[in-house]
Each structure stands twice: as C-alpha cells, then as structure tokens.
Amino acid sequence: MTALLLAATPAAPLLLLAALAVPRLRARATGLLWLAPLPGLACALLAAGGAPLLFYPRLSLTLSLDGPSALLLGAASLLWLAASVYARAYMPPDGLVRFAAWWLPTMAGSLGVFVAGDLVSFYLVFALASLPAWGLVIHDRTARAWSAGATYLMLTVLGEAALLAAFALLAASAPGETLAIAEVLPHLAAAPLRDVTIGLLVLGFGLKAGLVPLHVWLPLAHPAAPMPASAVLSGAIIKAGVIGLVRFLPPGATPVGWGEALVVIGFATAFWGVAAGVTQRNPKTVLAYSSVSQMGVVAAAIGMGIVLGLATTPASAAFYALHHVLAKGALFLAVGVAATCGGRARAWVLLPAIVLALGFGGMPLTGGWLAKEAVKPELGGGIAGMLSAASAAGSTLLMLHFVRRLAAGSAAEDAARPAPALLLPWLGMAAAALLLPWALAPGAAPLDAGSIAKALWPVLAGAALFALLVRWGASLPVVPEGDVILLARRVLHGLAPTGPALMRAEQALRAWPVAGLALLLLALLLGLAMAAA
C-alpha cells in the first residue's frame, strides 16, 4: 500500500495529463482535475516513515517519505485540490484544456519532490515542478505575461543548471554507484569541492524559494498568472526550494559558515520583502513580496539550525512552511473571490483574510502563531530573536496593507456574489490554515499570559506601523515589480556600445568548427574537474 501511494503521488497527475491527449476523454479529464492531488494527500497521511519504494537497486533509486516531507506534501496536496476546484470555475471553458496541460505536469513535479529519495528522481521532478509552470505564467498571453514568463524561464534554467552541477559533484564525491540522497550526503563534508557544491545547492534551491537577490520571478510571475496558478506558485511550488534546503543541508552535516550565510541571506530577504511590498498597489504583488519575506524567515531558521546543530530544525522549518502553504494559498484565492463580492458578502472574504493576515505576524491563537513557536529554538533568542520579532512586525504591516488593497479590489455592485465553486475552496483553505496547525503542531502551545503577551507585541507594533503607512504611505516611492532585475537591465543597456563586438563574436561562435572546439574545451575542463574531485 505504501509503495502504491508513493508511486501514485507524481503519477496520478501525469495519467490525467495523458487523458487530455485523447479527444473523447478531454472534457472529462478537465472536470476531474481535483482528483489528481488525492493520492499525494493519502500518501502524506498514510505513508510517512513507511518502507521506501526501491525501483532500481543498482543506483538506489527510491521513493520515500519522511516526517518533514509528509507535512509539506499534505499541505501542498490540499492546496492543489482546492485550487483545482477553483480553477474549474475561474477559467473560461475555451482556455481550460490549455491551462490543464500545464497545470498537471507542474502538479506532478510539485508533489513529486517530497517523495523523491535519490538524485536522479529528485532532479527530474524538481524540473517538472519548474519548467511547465512557465505555461501557467504566460497563460493570459498579454505583454506583461510574456515578459514575466521570459524572466521566469531564464531564472529557472539558471537554477536547474546549478542543481545539475551540484548533483553531479555530489555523485562524484560518494563511493560506489549509489545515488540515494541519504547515502550521498554523508560524504559531502569530505568532498574536495564541498563549498562549491553547497554554493550551487543554495543557488538552485534559494532561487526556487525566492531568496534575495534571486526572488525577482515571484513579484513578476504571480501578478501575471491566473489566480489559481498564483496560489500554487506561491503556496506550493516554492516549497520545492524549501524541501531542497531542508534535505540537502541538514544540521550536523553542513558547515557552520554556510548556516551563518543562510541566516544573513534569510533576514535580508525577510526585510526586503516587506520594504518592497508596502509600496505595491496590486494585492497579488503584495502577496508575492510577502512570500519572499516569509521564505526568508524559513531560510534564516534553517541557517540557525545549522549553526546551533539542532536536529529538530527540518521538522520545525517544514511546519513553518506548512502554515505558509495553507494561508498564502488561501489568500491568493481570496483575491479572485473578492473581485466578485459586493455589499455584505465582502465579509466572507475580508474577515477571514484579516485573521490569516495577522497570523503571518504571529497573532496569538492563529496558525501563524504556532508556526513561529515551532521555530523558537532557532529564532527565539539573541540577535536572531530580535530580528525575528522585527520581521514579525514587518509581516503584520505588510499583510494589513494587503487587506487594505484586497478591500479596494472588491466588486462595486452590492448585489455581486461569488460562485460557490470559488467561495468554497477559499473558505476551506482559510479553515485549514486556522485549524490544521493546531492538529499538527510539533509541541504543546504555550498558553500562559507571558508567552501570549510576548507574541502580541510585534503584531501591535506592525499595526502601529500600518497606521503610519495609511497616513503617509502615498509619498513612498513605488518599487517596480521585479526590482533588482530592472537594475540589471539598465546595466545591460549601458553596455549597448559593446553590442557590435558581441554580435561579431556570436557569429564566429555559430560556425560549427569553432562551436565544436568550444564544446570540446568545455568537456575537457569538466573532465578535469571531475578527475580532481
């Protein structure tokens, strides 16, 4: 039973994708999108810690599920389920088949990364979670969507190349032919190119998780994509980067220096996400920058776990990310529901949205409060504790700003009402974000007055900052979506005088003899590097 669930997790969406290729099954397949993530949900509930599925013993190619992966797999499956129901009502009928053709392979990869137990299968499903998502970003075929898709694809290919190189170095550093992640990682510490390998892993996974300065695809892709795609891009797909950092950089086996680097990168990401997000007007862009900020906190927690050598860090970081999957996915769905709500019906969106928004700042008794309590061993004291509290205040500020923009985007007609197929997935995800963390919390919540007061002050500080934002926020300069990539484009524009020389070089390299010699030289250099390893 365990083996069947492990295999069905990535296979079910691919089987439904195959049904789309059969004209007489196409309409039925699009109506059954919600079925595709169910094996992943069952796998998270029933297969965690069970016997792995070994499908190629010689290289130890396996599918398996540990505790942290099960948490994220269950949350991601639930979001894919809700978003699939939502998409059926949200997408126009003439575009649903094309949407599903990109939706299903992305889902297969997004869920598959949590069960992949070796380098080959992990790389394949990670690529599957990344590359087909380009079709979701450019779905509307607007100029904005094409531009966002081009940036997304460029950075995705960069991340895939970094991971491919890192995995090749990991395989080269391990004795024998095994490619199992659990058997390869112990040999990383003694590898000659250890720091190069870890740097490539941080680059590849950090890009997917949205760490600064590689975060720019999030605020570009999320506003351009359709609403259900934005929900899974921010809620589920970026968790491929989180599970990569958790599994490939475990505490005790990763050098402390890299943990310190992750802490610095993480907090820089957390504060930049807030600073850029409060200047935005589009609620989807605000949510995108909020995801950047929250993934920065996760990275900082992972980094501090490495510095302190805490064996519980993978589980606590996964629990923090689980709350983000549920709450952020719900809030993206709320944006689409709000646009169809008028009059008193706005309360169905705004009231739950306020509770979820305050949860990101650690409002006591919310799921976000439990998430922040889970990473207290990593971020509860010293400078890290102060920075974590400051980031909680910033998150409160940013999410209250989101609620304000959400209210501004509500339908003007008082009689406007959302379709049940839009409203129910939103309310279901909101309820899951509030209740599931209580059922899955790794420890008992501290309900004493002192702990609650300590958690409450960053929320109050963030609310005070929000009052100042309302008063003087109009004078803030707007950070353009994509921020640092625009600076890079200006630098490239400044290099325009070198264009003719670059064109001549390109024409020379197009010649087959020159290209062949360049490829041979590259192969020789790669061979020397592998021999040195």
Protein backbone atom coordinates (compact mmCIF):
# COMPACT_ATOMS: atom_id res chain seq x y z
CA MET A 1 0.00 0.00 0.00
CA THR A 2 2.80 2.43 0.90
CA ALA A 3 4.64 1.72 -2.35
CA LEU A 4 1.47 2.30 -4.36
CA LEU A 5 0.83 5.68 -2.72
CA LEU A 6 4.43 6.79 -3.22
CA ALA A 7 4.28 5.94 -6.92
CA ALA A 8 0.80 7.41 -7.41
CA THR A 9 1.72 10.80 -5.93
CA PRO A 10 3.53 12.05 -9.06
CA ALA A 11 1.93 9.53 -11.42
CA ALA A 12 -1.74 10.47 -10.94
CA PRO A 13 -1.44 13.98 -12.43
CA LEU A 14 0.59 12.56 -15.33
CA LEU A 15 -2.06 9.93 -16.05
CA LEU A 16 -4.71 12.63 -16.15
CA LEU A 17 -2.42 14.63 -18.44
CA ALA A 18 -2.25 11.64 -20.78
CA ALA A 19 -6.05 11.56 -20.83
CA LEU A 20 -6.03 15.13 -22.18
CA ALA A 21 -4.32 13.81 -25.31
CA VAL A 22 -7.39 11.67 -26.11
CA PRO A 23 -10.09 13.93 -27.61
CA ARG A 24 -13.03 11.90 -26.32
CA LEU A 25 -11.61 11.96 -22.76
CA ARG A 26 -10.56 15.60 -22.73
CA ALA A 27 -13.73 17.14 -21.31
CA ARG A 28 -13.96 14.53 -18.57
CA ALA A 29 -10.27 14.92 -17.69
CA THR A 30 -10.60 18.68 -17.18
CA GLY A 31 -13.57 18.06 -14.90
CA LEU A 32 -11.50 15.69 -12.77
CA LEU A 33 -8.51 17.94 -12.08
CA TRP A 34 -9.35 17.83 -8.37
CA LEU A 35 -8.71 14.05 -8.30
CA ALA A 36 -5.05 14.34 -9.29
CA PRO A 37 -3.68 15.51 -5.89
CA LEU A 38 -5.69 12.99 -3.83
CA PRO A 39 -3.01 10.24 -3.94
CA GLY A 40 -0.50 12.78 -2.61
CA LEU A 41 -2.84 13.66 0.25
CA ALA A 42 -3.37 9.98 1.07
CA CYS A 43 0.39 9.40 0.87
CA ALA A 44 1.05 12.19 3.38
CA LEU A 45 -1.49 10.70 5.78
CA LEU A 46 -0.61 7.01 5.45
CA ALA A 47 2.89 6.52 4.05
CA ALA A 48 5.14 8.74 6.21
CA GLY A 49 8.00 6.73 7.66
CA GLY A 50 6.97 3.60 5.78
CA ALA A 51 9.15 1.34 3.69
CA PRO A 52 10.65 3.13 0.67
CA LEU A 53 9.88 2.06 -2.88
CA LEU A 54 13.14 0.85 -4.46
CA PHE A 55 12.73 0.76 -8.24
CA TYR A 56 16.36 0.48 -9.40
CA PRO A 57 18.53 -1.22 -6.76
CA ARG A 58 21.86 -0.78 -8.53
CA LEU A 59 21.79 3.01 -8.11
CA SER A 60 19.45 3.02 -5.09
CA LEU A 61 16.77 4.93 -6.97
CA THR A 62 13.91 5.22 -4.48
CA LEU A 63 10.73 6.96 -3.48
CA SER A 64 10.32 7.59 0.25
CA LEU A 65 8.61 9.96 2.67
CA ASP A 66 9.99 11.28 5.95
CA GLY A 67 8.23 13.44 8.53
CA PRO A 68 9.11 16.94 7.25
CA SER A 69 8.32 15.93 3.66
CA ALA A 70 4.97 14.46 4.75
CA LEU A 71 3.94 17.76 6.35
CA LEU A 72 4.66 19.71 3.19
CA LEU A 73 3.23 17.04 0.88
CA GLY A 74 -0.07 17.04 2.76
CA ALA A 75 -0.36 20.84 2.76
CA ALA A 76 0.64 21.13 -0.90
CA SER A 77 -1.81 18.39 -1.93
CA LEU A 78 -4.62 20.15 -0.09
CA LEU A 79 -3.81 23.43 -1.85
CA TRP A 80 -3.63 21.75 -5.26
CA LEU A 81 -7.02 20.16 -4.54
CA ALA A 82 -8.67 23.46 -3.59
CA ALA A 83 -7.01 25.36 -6.44
CA SER A 84 -8.11 22.70 -8.95
CA VAL A 85 -11.75 23.08 -7.89
CA TYR A 86 -11.30 26.85 -8.03
CA ALA A 87 -9.71 26.70 -11.49
CA ARG A 88 -12.64 24.77 -12.93
CA ALA A 89 -14.93 27.73 -12.14
CA TYR A 90 -12.39 30.51 -12.64
CA MET A 91 -11.03 29.62 -16.07
CA PRO A 92 -13.11 30.20 -19.22
CA PRO A 93 -14.10 26.90 -20.88
CA ASP A 94 -12.12 27.62 -24.05
CA GLY A 95 -8.90 28.05 -22.07
CA LEU A 96 -9.30 25.28 -19.51
CA VAL A 97 -7.74 22.49 -21.59
CA ARG A 98 -4.67 24.57 -22.38
CA PHE A 99 -4.44 25.56 -18.72
CA ALA A 100 -4.74 21.93 -17.58
CA ALA A 101 -1.97 20.85 -19.97
CA TRP A 102 0.50 22.97 -17.97
CA TRP A 103 -1.25 22.58 -14.62
CA LEU A 104 -0.99 18.79 -14.37
CA PRO A 105 2.75 18.29 -15.06
CA THR A 106 3.55 21.17 -12.69
CA MET A 107 1.44 19.45 -10.04
CA ALA A 108 3.23 16.13 -10.63
CA GLY A 109 6.61 17.77 -10.06
CA SER A 110 5.44 19.90 -7.14
CA LEU A 111 4.18 16.83 -5.25
CA GLY A 112 6.94 14.53 -6.50
CA VAL A 113 9.78 16.49 -4.88
CA PHE A 114 8.51 15.44 -1.47
CA VAL A 115 8.77 11.69 -2.22
CA ALA A 116 11.91 11.59 -4.39
CA GLY A 117 14.67 9.77 -2.50
CA ASP A 118 17.59 9.93 -4.91
CA LEU A 119 19.43 12.48 -7.02
CA VAL A 120 18.00 11.40 -10.38
CA SER A 121 14.33 11.28 -9.44
CA PHE A 122 14.63 14.46 -7.34
CA TYR A 123 16.18 16.37 -10.23
CA LEU A 124 13.55 15.16 -12.69
CA VAL A 125 10.55 16.07 -10.52
CA PHE A 126 12.18 19.36 -9.48
CA ALA A 127 12.49 20.26 -13.17
CA LEU A 128 8.90 19.15 -13.69
CA ALA A 129 7.78 21.47 -10.90
CA SER A 130 9.68 24.35 -12.51
CA LEU A 131 9.62 24.29 -16.31
CA PRO A 132 5.92 23.59 -17.10
CA ALA A 133 4.93 26.38 -14.70
CA TRP A 134 6.09 28.75 -17.45
CA GLY A 135 2.87 27.86 -19.29
CA LEU A 136 0.86 28.95 -16.26
CA VAL A 137 2.70 32.27 -16.04
CA ILE A 138 2.12 33.17 -19.70
CA HIS A 139 -1.41 31.71 -19.87
CA ASP A 140 -3.18 35.04 -20.49
CA ARG A 141 -0.81 35.83 -23.40
CA THR A 142 -0.59 39.52 -22.50
CA ALA A 143 2.61 41.52 -22.96
CA ARG A 144 3.03 41.51 -19.19
CA ALA A 145 2.60 37.74 -19.06
CA TRP A 146 5.14 37.14 -21.85
CA SER A 147 7.68 39.38 -20.14
CA ALA A 148 7.16 37.68 -16.77
CA GLY A 149 7.38 34.28 -18.43
CA ALA A 150 10.68 35.13 -20.10
CA THR A 151 12.22 36.20 -16.78
CA TYR A 152 10.80 33.17 -15.02
CA LEU A 153 12.17 30.78 -17.63
CA MET A 154 15.61 32.40 -17.65
CA LEU A 155 15.98 32.14 -13.87
CA THR A 156 14.50 28.64 -13.80
CA VAL A 157 17.06 27.37 -16.30
CA LEU A 158 19.80 29.01 -14.21
CA GLY A 159 18.55 27.20 -11.11
CA GLU A 160 18.26 23.87 -12.95
CA ALA A 161 21.82 24.19 -14.25
CA ALA A 162 23.13 24.94 -10.74
CA LEU A 163 21.36 21.90 -9.31
CA LEU A 164 22.56 19.64 -12.11
CA ALA A 165 26.15 20.66 -11.44
CA ALA A 166 25.68 20.24 -7.67
CA PHE A 167 24.16 16.79 -8.07
CA ALA A 168 26.98 15.72 -10.39
CA LEU A 169 29.52 16.81 -7.76
CA LEU A 170 27.54 15.02 -5.03
CA ALA A 171 27.53 11.80 -7.04
CA ALA A 172 31.25 12.13 -7.75
CA SER A 173 32.08 12.59 -4.06
CA ALA A 174 30.27 9.43 -2.93
CA PRO A 175 31.89 5.99 -3.19
CA GLY A 176 30.18 3.32 -5.23
CA GLU A 177 27.27 3.81 -7.60
CA THR A 178 24.58 4.82 -5.11
CA LEU A 179 22.56 7.95 -5.87
CA ALA A 180 20.31 7.79 -2.81
CA ILE A 181 20.25 11.18 -1.12
CA ALA A 182 20.64 9.65 2.35
CA GLU A 183 23.74 7.73 1.23
CA VAL A 184 25.36 10.53 -0.76
CA LEU A 185 25.09 13.41 1.73
CA PRO A 186 27.32 11.94 4.48
CA HIS A 187 30.28 12.13 2.08
CA LEU A 188 29.77 15.81 1.25
CA ALA A 189 31.75 17.06 4.27
CA ALA A 190 34.96 15.41 3.00
CA ALA A 191 34.47 16.27 -0.67
CA PRO A 192 37.27 18.37 -2.26
CA LEU A 193 34.68 20.68 -3.84
CA ARG A 194 32.43 20.78 -0.80
CA ASP A 195 31.89 24.54 -0.70
CA VAL A 196 31.35 24.74 -4.46
CA THR A 197 28.71 22.02 -4.18
CA ILE A 198 26.93 23.69 -1.27
CA GLY A 199 27.05 27.05 -3.05
CA LEU A 200 25.38 25.52 -6.10
CA LEU A 201 22.73 23.90 -3.90
CA VAL A 202 21.98 27.22 -2.20
CA LEU A 203 21.78 28.92 -5.60
CA GLY A 204 19.40 26.36 -7.08
CA PHE A 205 17.12 25.92 -4.09
CA GLY A 206 17.35 29.56 -2.99
CA LEU A 207 16.20 30.69 -6.42
CA LYS A 208 13.15 28.44 -6.26
CA ALA A 209 12.37 29.56 -2.68
CA GLY A 210 12.67 33.24 -3.68
CA LEU A 211 15.68 34.33 -1.65
CA VAL A 212 17.19 37.76 -2.42
CA PRO A 213 18.53 38.61 -4.98
CA LEU A 214 17.07 35.64 -6.89
CA HIS A 215 13.50 36.42 -5.83
CA VAL A 216 12.53 38.57 -8.78
CA TRP A 217 10.48 35.93 -10.56
CA LEU A 218 7.89 35.90 -7.76
CA PRO A 219 6.63 39.52 -7.99
CA LEU A 220 6.68 39.24 -11.79
CA ALA A 221 5.10 35.81 -12.23
CA HIS A 222 2.39 35.92 -9.54
CA PRO A 223 0.52 39.01 -10.80
CA ALA A 224 0.73 37.79 -14.41
CA ALA A 225 -0.55 34.25 -13.79
CA PRO A 226 -4.26 33.35 -13.41
CA MET A 227 -5.49 33.33 -9.82
CA PRO A 228 -5.36 29.55 -9.15
CA ALA A 229 -1.87 29.39 -10.68
CA SER A 230 -0.70 32.26 -8.46
CA ALA A 231 -1.97 30.35 -5.43
CA VAL A 232 0.08 27.23 -6.16
CA LEU A 233 3.12 29.17 -7.39
CA SER A 234 3.36 30.97 -4.07
CA GLY A 235 1.90 28.34 -1.79
CA ALA A 236 3.19 25.02 -3.12
CA ILE A 237 5.81 25.33 -5.86
CA ILE A 238 8.29 27.49 -3.95
CA LYS A 239 8.29 24.80 -1.25
CA ALA A 240 10.37 22.69 -3.65
CA GLY A 241 13.16 25.08 -2.73
CA VAL A 242 12.41 24.75 0.98
CA ILE A 243 12.43 20.94 0.96
CA GLY A 244 15.67 21.07 -1.02
CA LEU A 245 17.36 23.24 1.61
CA VAL A 246 16.00 21.04 4.40
CA ARG A 247 17.07 17.73 2.85
CA PHE A 248 20.40 18.66 1.29
CA LEU A 249 21.71 20.95 4.06
CA PRO A 250 20.94 19.03 7.26
CA PRO A 251 22.21 20.34 10.61
CA GLY A 252 25.29 18.50 11.79
CA ALA A 253 26.45 17.72 8.26
CA THR A 254 26.58 21.27 6.86
CA PRO A 255 29.44 23.64 7.73
CA VAL A 256 28.51 26.33 10.24
CA GLY A 257 29.74 29.05 7.88
CA TRP A 258 27.05 28.14 5.38
CA GLY A 259 24.47 28.24 8.15
CA GLU A 260 25.56 31.77 9.02
CA ALA A 261 25.34 32.74 5.35
CA LEU A 262 21.77 31.41 5.19
CA VAL A 263 20.86 33.45 8.28
CA VAL A 264 22.17 36.65 6.67
CA ILE A 265 20.51 35.91 3.33
CA GLY A 266 17.29 34.90 5.06
CA PHE A 267 16.86 38.04 7.15
CA ALA A 268 17.91 40.27 4.24
CA THR A 269 15.18 38.56 2.20
CA ALA A 270 12.63 38.91 5.01
CA PHE A 271 13.12 42.67 5.38
CA TRP A 272 13.43 43.39 1.67
CA GLY A 273 10.15 41.60 1.01
CA VAL A 274 8.41 43.92 3.47
CA ALA A 275 10.14 47.08 2.25
CA ALA A 276 9.24 46.42 -1.39
CA GLY A 277 5.80 45.01 -0.65
CA VAL A 278 4.39 48.02 1.22
CA THR A 279 4.87 50.19 -1.88
CA GLN A 280 2.74 47.92 -4.10
CA ARG A 281 -0.86 48.53 -5.14
CA ASN A 282 -1.77 45.18 -6.71
CA PRO A 283 -2.82 42.78 -3.92
CA LYS A 284 -1.26 39.82 -5.78
CA THR A 285 2.08 41.64 -5.93
CA VAL A 286 1.82 42.42 -2.21
CA LEU A 287 1.29 38.70 -1.56
CA ALA A 288 4.25 37.83 -3.76
CA TYR A 289 6.57 40.05 -1.76
CA SER A 290 5.07 38.61 1.42
CA SER A 291 6.07 35.15 0.20
CA VAL A 292 9.58 36.46 -0.40
CA SER A 293 9.67 37.73 3.18
CA GLN A 294 8.29 34.52 4.70
CA MET A 295 10.71 32.30 2.79
CA GLY A 296 13.49 34.49 4.13
CA VAL A 297 12.38 33.63 7.67
CA VAL A 298 12.38 29.92 6.78
CA ALA A 299 15.90 30.21 5.37
CA ALA A 300 17.06 32.03 8.49
CA ALA A 301 15.56 29.29 10.68
CA ILE A 302 17.32 26.59 8.64
CA GLY A 303 20.57 28.55 8.87
CA MET A 304 20.31 28.95 12.65
CA GLY A 305 19.54 25.26 12.96
CA ILE A 306 22.79 24.54 11.15
CA VAL A 307 24.72 26.98 13.36
CA LEU A 308 23.28 25.51 16.58
CA GLY A 309 23.33 21.90 15.36
CA LEU A 310 19.62 21.36 16.10
CA ALA A 311 18.37 18.01 14.81
CA THR A 312 14.76 19.23 15.08
CA THR A 313 15.22 22.06 12.58
CA PRO A 314 13.98 20.16 9.47
CA ALA A 315 10.68 19.39 11.22
CA SER A 316 10.23 22.90 12.63
CA ALA A 317 11.11 24.59 9.32
CA ALA A 318 8.69 22.27 7.50
CA PHE A 319 5.92 23.12 9.97
CA TYR A 320 6.53 26.85 9.46
CA ALA A 321 6.39 26.32 5.69
CA LEU A 322 3.22 24.22 6.05
CA HIS A 323 1.39 27.20 7.53
CA HIS A 324 2.62 29.36 4.67
CA VAL A 325 1.32 26.85 2.08
CA LEU A 326 -2.16 26.89 3.58
CA ALA A 327 -2.52 30.58 4.48
CA LYS A 328 -0.82 32.11 1.46
CA GLY A 329 -2.63 29.79 -0.95
CA ALA A 330 -5.92 30.77 0.69
CA LEU A 331 -5.21 34.50 0.41
CA PHE A 332 -4.41 34.25 -3.30
CA LEU A 333 -7.76 32.53 -3.81
CA ALA A 334 -9.34 35.32 -1.76
CA VAL A 335 -8.22 37.92 -4.31
CA GLY A 336 -10.33 36.28 -7.00
CA VAL A 337 -13.31 35.86 -4.68
CA ALA A 338 -13.13 39.49 -3.52
CA ALA A 339 -13.42 40.71 -7.11
CA THR A 340 -16.85 39.06 -7.31
CA CYS A 341 -18.11 40.14 -3.86
CA GLY A 342 -20.13 43.25 -3.14
CA GLY A 343 -22.11 44.61 -0.22
CA ARG A 344 -22.35 42.45 2.89
CA ALA A 345 -20.87 39.46 1.05
CA ARG A 346 -17.45 41.11 1.35
CA ALA A 347 -17.37 39.87 4.94
CA TRP A 348 -16.95 36.31 3.60
CA VAL A 349 -13.58 37.44 2.30
CA LEU A 350 -12.36 40.28 4.47
CA LEU A 351 -12.97 38.85 7.94
CA PRO A 352 -11.13 35.54 7.40
CA ALA A 353 -8.46 37.40 5.41
CA ILE A 354 -7.75 39.72 8.37
CA VAL A 355 -7.31 36.75 10.70
CA LEU A 356 -4.96 34.99 8.26
CA ALA A 357 -3.08 38.23 7.64
CA LEU A 358 -2.45 38.79 11.34
CA GLY A 359 -1.33 35.16 11.61
CA PHE A 360 1.71 35.93 9.48
CA GLY A 361 2.81 38.34 12.18
CA GLY A 362 2.31 35.70 14.88
CA MET A 363 -1.07 36.79 16.25
CA PRO A 364 -1.73 34.56 19.29
CA LEU A 365 -4.05 31.58 18.78
CA THR A 366 -3.65 31.63 14.96
CA GLY A 367 -1.84 29.05 12.90
CA GLY A 368 0.90 31.58 12.22
CA TRP A 369 1.50 31.89 15.96
CA LEU A 370 2.07 28.14 16.19
CA ALA A 371 4.41 28.33 13.20
CA LYS A 372 6.52 30.99 14.90
CA GLU A 373 6.51 29.00 18.14
CA ALA A 374 7.83 26.00 16.19
CA VAL A 375 10.98 27.88 15.13
CA LYS A 376 11.58 29.43 18.56
CA PRO A 377 14.55 27.07 19.22
CA GLU A 378 16.21 28.54 16.12
CA LEU A 379 14.95 32.14 16.18
CA GLY A 380 13.90 32.69 19.78
CA GLY A 381 16.96 34.33 21.32
CA GLY A 382 19.87 36.70 20.80
CA ILE A 383 20.23 38.80 17.69
CA ALA A 384 18.30 36.24 15.66
CA GLY A 385 15.39 36.57 18.11
CA MET A 386 15.34 40.36 17.81
CA LEU A 387 15.47 40.18 14.02
CA SER A 388 12.72 37.56 14.01
CA ALA A 389 10.47 39.78 16.15
CA ALA A 390 11.18 42.75 13.88
CA SER A 391 10.31 40.67 10.82
CA ALA A 392 7.04 39.63 12.51
CA ALA A 393 6.15 43.29 12.97
CA GLY A 394 7.04 43.89 9.32
CA SER A 395 4.87 40.95 8.24
CA THR A 396 1.92 42.38 10.17
CA LEU A 397 2.43 45.74 8.46
CA LEU A 398 2.66 44.15 5.02
CA MET A 399 -0.34 41.86 5.45
CA LEU A 400 -2.57 44.63 6.78
CA HIS A 401 -1.54 46.59 3.70
CA PHE A 402 -2.65 43.57 1.64
CA VAL A 403 -6.07 43.51 3.32
CA ARG A 404 -6.47 47.19 2.52
CA ARG A 405 -5.67 46.55 -1.15
CA LEU A 406 -7.95 43.50 -1.13
CA ALA A 407 -10.87 45.61 0.13
CA ALA A 408 -10.17 48.16 -2.60
CA GLY A 409 -10.48 45.44 -5.22
CA SER A 410 -13.94 44.24 -4.16
CA ALA A 411 -16.81 44.37 -6.61
CA ALA A 412 -18.55 47.74 -6.86
CA GLU A 413 -22.06 46.27 -7.20
CA ASP A 414 -23.66 45.49 -3.85
CA ALA A 415 -25.54 42.56 -5.37
CA ALA A 416 -22.41 40.86 -6.74
CA ARG A 417 -21.88 37.36 -5.34
CA PRO A 418 -19.11 34.77 -5.96
CA ALA A 419 -19.83 31.38 -7.49
CA PRO A 420 -19.90 28.59 -4.88
CA ALA A 421 -17.03 26.86 -6.70
CA LEU A 422 -14.91 29.94 -5.95
CA LEU A 423 -16.17 30.64 -2.45
CA LEU A 424 -15.96 27.12 -1.02
CA PRO A 425 -12.28 26.44 -1.90
CA TRP A 426 -11.36 29.81 -0.39
CA LEU A 427 -13.25 29.17 2.84
CA GLY A 428 -11.95 25.61 3.01
CA MET A 429 -8.33 26.72 2.69
CA ALA A 430 -8.89 29.51 5.22
CA ALA A 431 -10.29 27.00 7.71
CA ALA A 432 -7.38 24.64 7.04
CA ALA A 433 -4.87 27.42 7.66
CA LEU A 434 -6.50 28.18 11.01
CA LEU A 435 -7.17 24.63 12.25
CA LEU A 436 -4.62 22.21 10.79
CA PRO A 437 -1.60 23.79 12.51
CA TRP A 438 -3.31 23.04 15.85
CA ALA A 439 -3.71 19.40 14.85
CA LEU A 440 -0.14 19.04 13.56
CA ALA A 441 1.85 21.28 15.92
CA PRO A 442 5.08 19.54 17.00
CA GLY A 443 4.63 20.53 20.66
CA ALA A 444 2.12 21.95 23.10
CA ALA A 445 1.37 25.64 22.57
CA PRO A 446 2.39 27.92 25.48
CA LEU A 447 -0.94 29.42 26.51
CA ASP A 448 0.32 31.35 29.53
CA ALA A 449 -0.17 35.12 29.66
CA GLY A 450 3.54 35.89 29.39
CA SER A 451 4.02 33.90 26.17
CA ILE A 452 0.90 35.39 24.61
CA ALA A 453 1.98 38.94 25.50
CA LYS A 454 5.45 38.31 24.06
CA ALA A 455 3.89 37.13 20.80
CA LEU A 456 1.41 40.01 20.71
CA TRP A 457 3.76 42.98 20.82
CA PRO A 458 5.22 42.52 17.29
CA VAL A 459 1.64 42.41 15.97
CA LEU A 460 0.78 45.62 17.80
CA ALA A 461 3.98 47.23 16.54
CA GLY A 462 3.13 46.21 13.00
CA ALA A 463 -0.39 47.62 13.38
CA ALA A 464 1.09 50.94 14.56
CA LEU A 465 3.39 50.99 11.53
CA PHE A 466 0.38 50.29 9.32
CA ALA A 467 -1.37 53.37 10.75
CA LEU A 468 1.66 55.41 9.74
CA LEU A 469 1.61 53.80 6.29
CA VAL A 470 -2.03 54.79 5.82
CA ARG A 471 -1.20 58.35 6.82
CA TRP A 472 1.99 58.89 4.80
CA GLY A 473 2.29 55.87 2.52
CA ALA A 474 1.23 57.78 -0.59
CA SER A 475 4.56 59.62 -0.52
CA LEU A 476 6.62 56.41 -0.63
CA PRO A 477 8.38 55.70 -3.94
CA VAL A 478 6.94 52.62 -5.63
CA VAL A 479 9.38 49.75 -6.04
CA PRO A 480 8.72 48.36 -9.53
CA GLU A 481 7.73 44.69 -9.77
CA GLY A 482 10.91 42.72 -10.24
CA ASP A 483 13.04 45.39 -8.50
CA VAL A 484 16.68 44.30 -8.89
CA ILE A 485 16.22 42.80 -12.34
CA LEU A 486 15.34 46.26 -13.64
CA LEU A 487 18.68 47.49 -12.32
CA ALA A 488 20.38 44.65 -14.16
CA ARG A 489 18.59 45.61 -17.36
CA ARG A 490 19.81 49.19 -17.01
CA VAL A 491 23.37 47.92 -16.62
CA LEU A 492 22.97 45.84 -19.76
CA HIS A 493 21.53 48.83 -21.57
CA GLY A 494 24.64 50.75 -20.54
CA LEU A 495 26.70 48.09 -22.26
CA ALA A 496 24.93 48.77 -25.56
CA PRO A 497 28.10 50.21 -27.21
CA THR A 498 29.65 46.74 -26.96
CA GLY A 499 26.77 45.27 -28.98
CA PRO A 500 28.55 45.13 -32.39
CA ALA A 501 31.54 43.34 -30.88
CA LEU A 502 29.28 40.83 -29.14
CA MET A 503 27.40 40.25 -32.40
CA ARG A 504 30.64 39.51 -34.27
CA ALA A 505 31.67 37.10 -31.52
CA GLU A 506 28.29 35.37 -31.72
CA GLN A 507 28.58 34.99 -35.50
CA ALA A 508 32.03 33.45 -35.08
CA LEU A 509 30.80 31.01 -32.45
CA ARG A 510 27.92 29.93 -34.67
CA ALA A 511 30.39 28.37 -37.09
CA TRP A 512 30.40 24.61 -36.47
CA PRO A 513 34.21 24.20 -36.26
CA VAL A 514 34.53 26.96 -33.65
CA ALA A 515 31.49 25.74 -31.74
CA GLY A 516 32.87 22.22 -31.79
CA LEU A 517 36.24 23.32 -30.42
CA ALA A 518 34.49 25.36 -27.70
CA LEU A 519 32.39 22.35 -26.73
CA LEU A 520 35.48 20.11 -26.67
CA LEU A 521 37.30 22.61 -24.43
CA LEU A 522 34.30 22.75 -22.08
CA ALA A 523 34.19 18.95 -21.92
CA LEU A 524 37.90 18.78 -21.13
CA LEU A 525 37.54 21.32 -18.33
CA LEU A 526 34.60 19.40 -16.89
CA GLY A 527 36.54 16.17 -17.10
CA LEU A 528 39.50 17.71 -15.26
CA ALA A 529 37.18 19.00 -12.54
CA MET A 530 35.61 15.56 -12.07
CA ALA A 531 39.04 13.92 -12.01
CA ALA A 532 40.17 16.38 -9.36
CA ALA A 533 37.06 15.54 -7.34
